[in-house]
Protein backbone atom coordinates (compact mmCIF):
# COMPACT_ATOMS: atom_id res chain seq x y z
CA MET A 1 0.00 0.00 0.00
CA MET A 2 1.31 3.43 -0.96
CA GLU A 3 1.68 6.11 1.70
CA PRO A 4 -1.66 7.91 2.15
CA TYR A 5 -1.88 11.35 0.61
CA ALA A 6 -4.06 14.15 1.91
CA ASN A 7 -7.05 14.91 -0.29
CA ALA A 8 -6.41 17.89 -2.53
CA HIS A 9 -9.93 19.20 -1.95
CA ALA A 10 -10.19 22.40 0.06
CA ASN A 11 -11.94 22.32 3.43
CA THR A 12 -11.56 18.60 3.97
CA ASN A 13 -9.12 16.41 5.87
CA THR A 14 -10.14 13.18 4.22
CA VAL A 15 -7.18 10.85 3.66
CA ILE A 16 -7.01 8.70 0.56
CA SER A 17 -4.48 6.14 -0.60
CA GLY A 18 -4.86 3.58 -3.38
CA LYS A 19 -2.34 4.49 -6.10
CA VAL A 20 -1.65 7.94 -4.65
CA SER A 21 1.98 8.50 -3.73
CA THR A 22 4.69 11.15 -3.56
CA LEU A 23 7.10 12.73 -6.02
CA GLU A 24 9.99 11.04 -4.24
CA GLU A 25 8.43 7.61 -4.76
CA ALA A 26 7.64 8.38 -8.39
CA LEU A 27 11.23 9.37 -9.13
CA LEU A 28 12.46 5.95 -8.01
CA ALA A 29 11.01 4.57 -11.27
CA ILE A 30 12.90 7.04 -13.47
CA THR A 31 16.58 6.12 -13.73
CA ASP A 32 19.62 6.80 -15.92
CA GLY A 33 19.28 5.36 -19.40
CA CYS A 34 15.57 4.60 -19.22
CA THR A 35 13.05 5.25 -21.98
CA LEU A 36 10.65 8.01 -20.92
CA MET A 37 7.40 8.76 -22.76
CA TYR A 38 5.64 12.03 -21.97
CA GLY A 39 2.37 13.72 -22.76
CA GLY A 40 2.01 17.31 -23.84
CA PHE A 41 2.10 19.64 -26.84
CA GLY A 42 4.55 22.51 -26.60
CA GLY A 43 4.56 22.00 -22.85
CA ILE A 44 0.77 22.06 -22.46
CA GLY A 45 -0.17 18.80 -20.79
CA THR A 46 3.42 17.95 -19.84
CA PRO A 47 3.72 17.19 -16.09
CA PRO A 48 5.76 20.08 -14.58
CA THR A 49 6.45 18.62 -11.14
CA LEU A 50 7.76 15.37 -12.55
CA ILE A 51 9.95 17.20 -15.07
CA GLU A 52 11.41 19.38 -12.32
CA GLY A 53 11.93 16.31 -10.13
CA ILE A 54 13.78 14.47 -12.88
CA LEU A 55 15.94 17.55 -13.43
CA GLN A 56 16.77 17.89 -9.75
CA LYS A 57 17.46 14.17 -9.35
CA GLY A 58 20.08 14.39 -12.08
CA VAL A 59 18.74 11.59 -14.26
CA LYS A 60 20.71 11.39 -17.51
CA ASP A 61 21.10 9.47 -20.79
CA LEU A 62 17.35 9.41 -21.31
CA THR A 63 15.59 8.29 -24.47
CA ILE A 64 12.43 10.36 -24.63
CA ILE A 65 9.30 9.84 -26.73
CA GLY A 66 6.71 12.55 -27.20
CA ASN A 67 5.08 14.91 -29.66
CA ASP A 68 7.77 17.60 -29.48
CA THR A 69 10.65 18.97 -27.39
CA GLY A 70 8.78 21.90 -25.87
CA PHE A 71 10.70 25.15 -25.54
CA PRO A 72 14.19 25.58 -24.03
CA GLN A 73 12.83 25.97 -20.48
CA ILE A 74 9.24 24.77 -20.97
CA GLY A 75 7.97 21.21 -20.78
CA ILE A 76 10.44 18.47 -21.62
CA GLY A 77 12.73 21.17 -23.04
CA SER A 78 14.45 21.82 -19.72
CA LEU A 79 15.80 18.25 -19.67
CA ILE A 80 17.17 18.67 -23.19
CA THR A 81 18.72 22.05 -22.37
CA ALA A 82 20.41 20.47 -19.33
CA GLY A 83 21.95 17.76 -21.54
CA ARG A 84 20.07 14.88 -19.91
CA VAL A 85 18.69 13.39 -23.14
CA LYS A 86 20.63 11.17 -25.54
CA LYS A 87 17.81 10.38 -27.98
CA VAL A 88 14.49 11.95 -28.96
CA ILE A 89 11.63 10.36 -30.86
CA ALA A 90 9.20 13.13 -31.80
CA SER A 91 7.22 14.76 -34.58
CA HIS A 92 9.04 18.11 -34.45
CA ILE A 93 11.62 20.05 -32.44
CA GLY A 94 11.28 23.46 -34.06
CA SER A 95 10.20 25.33 -30.94
CA ASN A 96 13.36 24.30 -29.08
CA PRO A 97 16.52 25.65 -30.75
CA ASN A 98 18.67 23.80 -28.21
CA ALA A 99 17.33 20.50 -29.50
CA GLY A 100 18.09 21.53 -33.07
CA LEU A 101 21.62 22.55 -32.16
CA MET A 102 22.29 19.26 -30.36
CA MET A 103 20.96 17.34 -33.33
CA GLU A 104 23.22 19.26 -35.73
CA GLU A 105 26.25 18.79 -33.45
CA GLY A 106 25.55 15.07 -33.13
CA THR A 107 25.30 15.19 -29.33
CA MET A 108 21.67 14.05 -29.34
CA GLU A 109 20.01 11.61 -31.72
CA VAL A 110 16.66 12.71 -33.13
CA VAL A 111 14.18 10.45 -34.91
CA PHE A 112 11.23 12.11 -36.62
CA TYR A 113 7.81 10.72 -37.45
CA PRO A 114 4.79 12.53 -38.88
CA GLN A 115 2.57 13.54 -35.98
CA GLY A 116 -0.27 11.20 -36.88
CA THR A 117 2.10 8.28 -37.39
CA LEU A 118 3.78 8.95 -34.05
CA ALA A 119 0.46 9.11 -32.23
CA GLU A 120 -0.67 5.84 -33.81
CA LYS A 121 2.63 4.11 -32.99
CA ILE A 122 2.12 5.10 -29.35
CA ARG A 123 -1.53 4.03 -29.40
CA ALA A 124 -0.55 0.69 -30.92
CA GLY A 125 1.98 0.14 -28.15
CA GLY A 126 -0.64 0.94 -25.56
CA VAL A 127 -3.21 -1.53 -26.86
CA GLY A 128 -0.73 -4.33 -27.44
CA LEU A 129 -0.38 -4.23 -31.23
CA GLY A 130 2.95 -4.98 -32.86
CA GLY A 131 2.76 -1.99 -35.18
CA ILE A 132 0.77 -0.11 -37.78
CA LEU A 133 0.67 0.18 -41.57
CA VAL A 134 1.20 3.60 -43.16
CA ASP A 135 1.54 4.84 -46.72
CA VAL A 136 3.31 8.06 -45.71
CA GLY A 137 6.94 7.72 -46.80
CA ILE A 138 6.45 5.21 -49.60
CA GLY A 139 8.89 5.97 -52.38
CA THR A 140 11.07 8.18 -50.15
CA ILE A 141 14.12 7.65 -47.93
CA MET A 142 11.68 6.73 -45.14
CA GLU A 143 11.14 3.43 -46.90
CA GLN A 144 14.79 2.42 -46.63
CA GLY A 145 15.39 -0.47 -44.25
CA LYS A 146 11.72 -0.90 -43.38
CA ALA A 147 9.45 -3.84 -43.99
CA THR A 148 6.59 -3.33 -46.43
CA VAL A 149 3.36 -5.17 -47.15
CA SER A 150 0.80 -4.97 -49.93
CA ILE A 151 -2.93 -4.97 -49.25
CA ASP A 152 -5.42 -4.72 -52.12
CA GLU A 153 -2.49 -3.86 -54.39
CA LYS A 154 -1.48 -0.90 -52.23
CA LYS A 155 1.93 -0.78 -50.57
CA TYR A 156 2.41 0.13 -46.91
CA LEU A 157 5.33 0.62 -44.55
CA VAL A 158 5.31 -1.42 -41.36
CA GLU A 159 5.88 0.94 -38.43
CA PRO A 160 6.61 -0.84 -35.13
CA ALA A 161 4.63 0.19 -32.05
CA LEU A 162 6.22 2.40 -29.39
CA THR A 163 6.30 1.72 -25.65
CA ALA A 164 8.46 3.06 -22.82
CA ASP A 165 9.89 2.00 -19.49
CA VAL A 166 8.03 4.89 -17.85
CA ALA A 167 5.23 7.11 -19.10
CA ILE A 168 4.45 10.45 -17.43
CA VAL A 169 1.22 12.36 -18.00
CA HIS A 170 -0.57 15.38 -16.61
CA ALA A 171 -4.30 15.44 -15.87
CA LYS A 172 -6.75 17.79 -14.20
CA LYS A 173 -8.26 15.29 -11.76
CA ALA A 174 -7.75 11.74 -10.54
CA ASP A 175 -9.30 9.46 -7.98
CA PRO A 176 -7.28 7.02 -5.84
CA TYR A 177 -7.66 4.29 -8.46
CA GLY A 178 -5.95 6.44 -11.10
CA ASN A 179 -8.96 7.26 -13.25
CA LEU A 180 -8.06 10.48 -15.05
CA VAL A 181 -9.94 13.55 -16.30
CA TYR A 182 -8.07 16.00 -18.54
CA ASP A 183 -8.41 19.75 -19.02
CA LYS A 184 -9.26 20.85 -22.55
CA SER A 185 -6.18 20.79 -24.83
CA GLY A 186 -4.12 19.30 -22.00
CA ARG A 187 -5.68 16.05 -23.14
CA ASN A 188 -3.63 16.01 -26.41
CA LEU A 189 -1.35 12.93 -26.43
CA ASN A 190 -1.72 12.17 -22.72
CA PRO A 191 -4.37 9.41 -23.05
CA LEU A 192 -2.23 7.57 -25.61
CA VAL A 193 0.97 7.97 -23.61
CA ALA A 194 -0.73 6.76 -20.43
CA MET A 195 -1.45 3.42 -22.10
CA ALA A 196 2.02 2.88 -23.54
CA GLY A 197 4.21 2.90 -20.44
CA LYS A 198 5.31 -0.23 -18.62
CA PHE A 199 4.94 2.00 -15.54
CA THR A 200 2.69 5.05 -15.84
CA ILE A 201 2.79 8.01 -13.46
CA ALA A 202 0.00 10.59 -13.53
CA GLU A 203 0.63 14.05 -12.12
CA VAL A 204 -2.70 15.70 -11.36
CA ASP A 205 -3.97 19.07 -10.17
CA GLU A 206 -6.59 17.57 -7.88
CA ILE A 207 -7.22 14.22 -6.23
CA VAL A 208 -10.84 13.47 -5.40
CA PRO A 209 -12.52 10.65 -3.45
CA LEU A 210 -13.72 7.52 -5.20
CA GLY A 211 -17.06 8.02 -6.89
CA GLU A 212 -16.72 11.77 -7.32
CA LEU A 213 -15.56 11.71 -10.94
CA ASP A 214 -18.27 11.67 -13.57
CA PRO A 215 -17.77 8.31 -15.33
CA GLU A 216 -18.56 9.98 -18.67
CA SER A 217 -15.66 12.42 -18.14
CA ILE A 218 -13.02 9.77 -17.42
CA ILE A 219 -10.71 9.49 -20.44
CA THR A 220 -7.96 7.27 -19.03
CA PRO A 221 -9.21 4.34 -16.93
CA GLY A 222 -7.16 3.63 -13.84
CA ILE A 223 -6.10 0.23 -15.17
CA PHE A 224 -3.45 2.07 -17.22
CA VAL A 225 -2.10 4.14 -14.30
CA ASP A 226 0.34 2.77 -11.73
CA MET A 227 0.91 5.84 -9.57
CA VAL A 228 -0.73 9.22 -8.96
CA ILE A 229 1.01 12.28 -7.50
CA LEU A 230 -0.27 15.75 -6.75
CA SER A 231 1.11 18.53 -8.95
CA ARG A 232 2.90 21.51 -7.45
CA GLY A 233 1.97 23.59 -10.47
CA VAL A 234 3.74 24.90 -13.54
CA THR A 235 7.26 26.08 -12.78
CA TRP A 236 7.93 27.84 -16.06
CA GLU A 237 6.69 31.04 -17.71
CA TRP A 238 4.64 30.40 -20.82
CA VAL A 239 5.79 32.13 -24.02
CA TRP A 240 2.54 34.13 -24.28
CA GLU A 241 2.94 35.38 -20.68
CA LYS A 242 6.27 37.08 -21.29
CA LYS A 243 6.15 40.85 -21.21
CA PRO A 244 7.67 43.00 -23.97
CA ALA A 245 11.17 44.30 -23.22
CA SER A 246 9.76 47.83 -23.14
CA GLU A 247 7.87 46.95 -19.95
């Protein structure tokens, strides 16, 4: 049984446990050289407390899998800027010049996939499929070294599924069983990532008692979540919050 965690609700002293734990316990699962999958899009939906914890712990030589590399100090970007990542599997890195520089210098390996293909590779990993078939890349360098199949006289590339040692996601609410509710666009790739980790940690803004979540609002069932921790909030300044230099 995990250590009980005080309910995040205001004006209540109810104690809950289940899968609820602490940041310190969560960080035990994230070690040097592991494969880390993360939710988020440009930092939105990326778990800030877990990212800061990984940074402070000094974890290095990570292989990370996610939609993008955030910004230099936003989202997963802070780990890249600190030199903790050896390989990235993503759909783009354009918003993080540090990632681009490391790729050009050869200090960090970057593997690109079209966004839809990446999302489907993650989804396939989460539901136990071996891979997916795509026609994007046929007749290009993307076809080199990859298996192909023909169905109804149409050729497809075989793209293996993606999984990770640890998956980290951010949600708005959770109950002690790990059922998750997301906040608007924070949902992005988080539901897919949550399914694809061998060990999935959900950082949430609020933990509520069992039975309080509307079943119709639950996007990620708790069966996919191994641990829940309470978020300490975003630690970075969003790009759109920055004031002009004249101020």
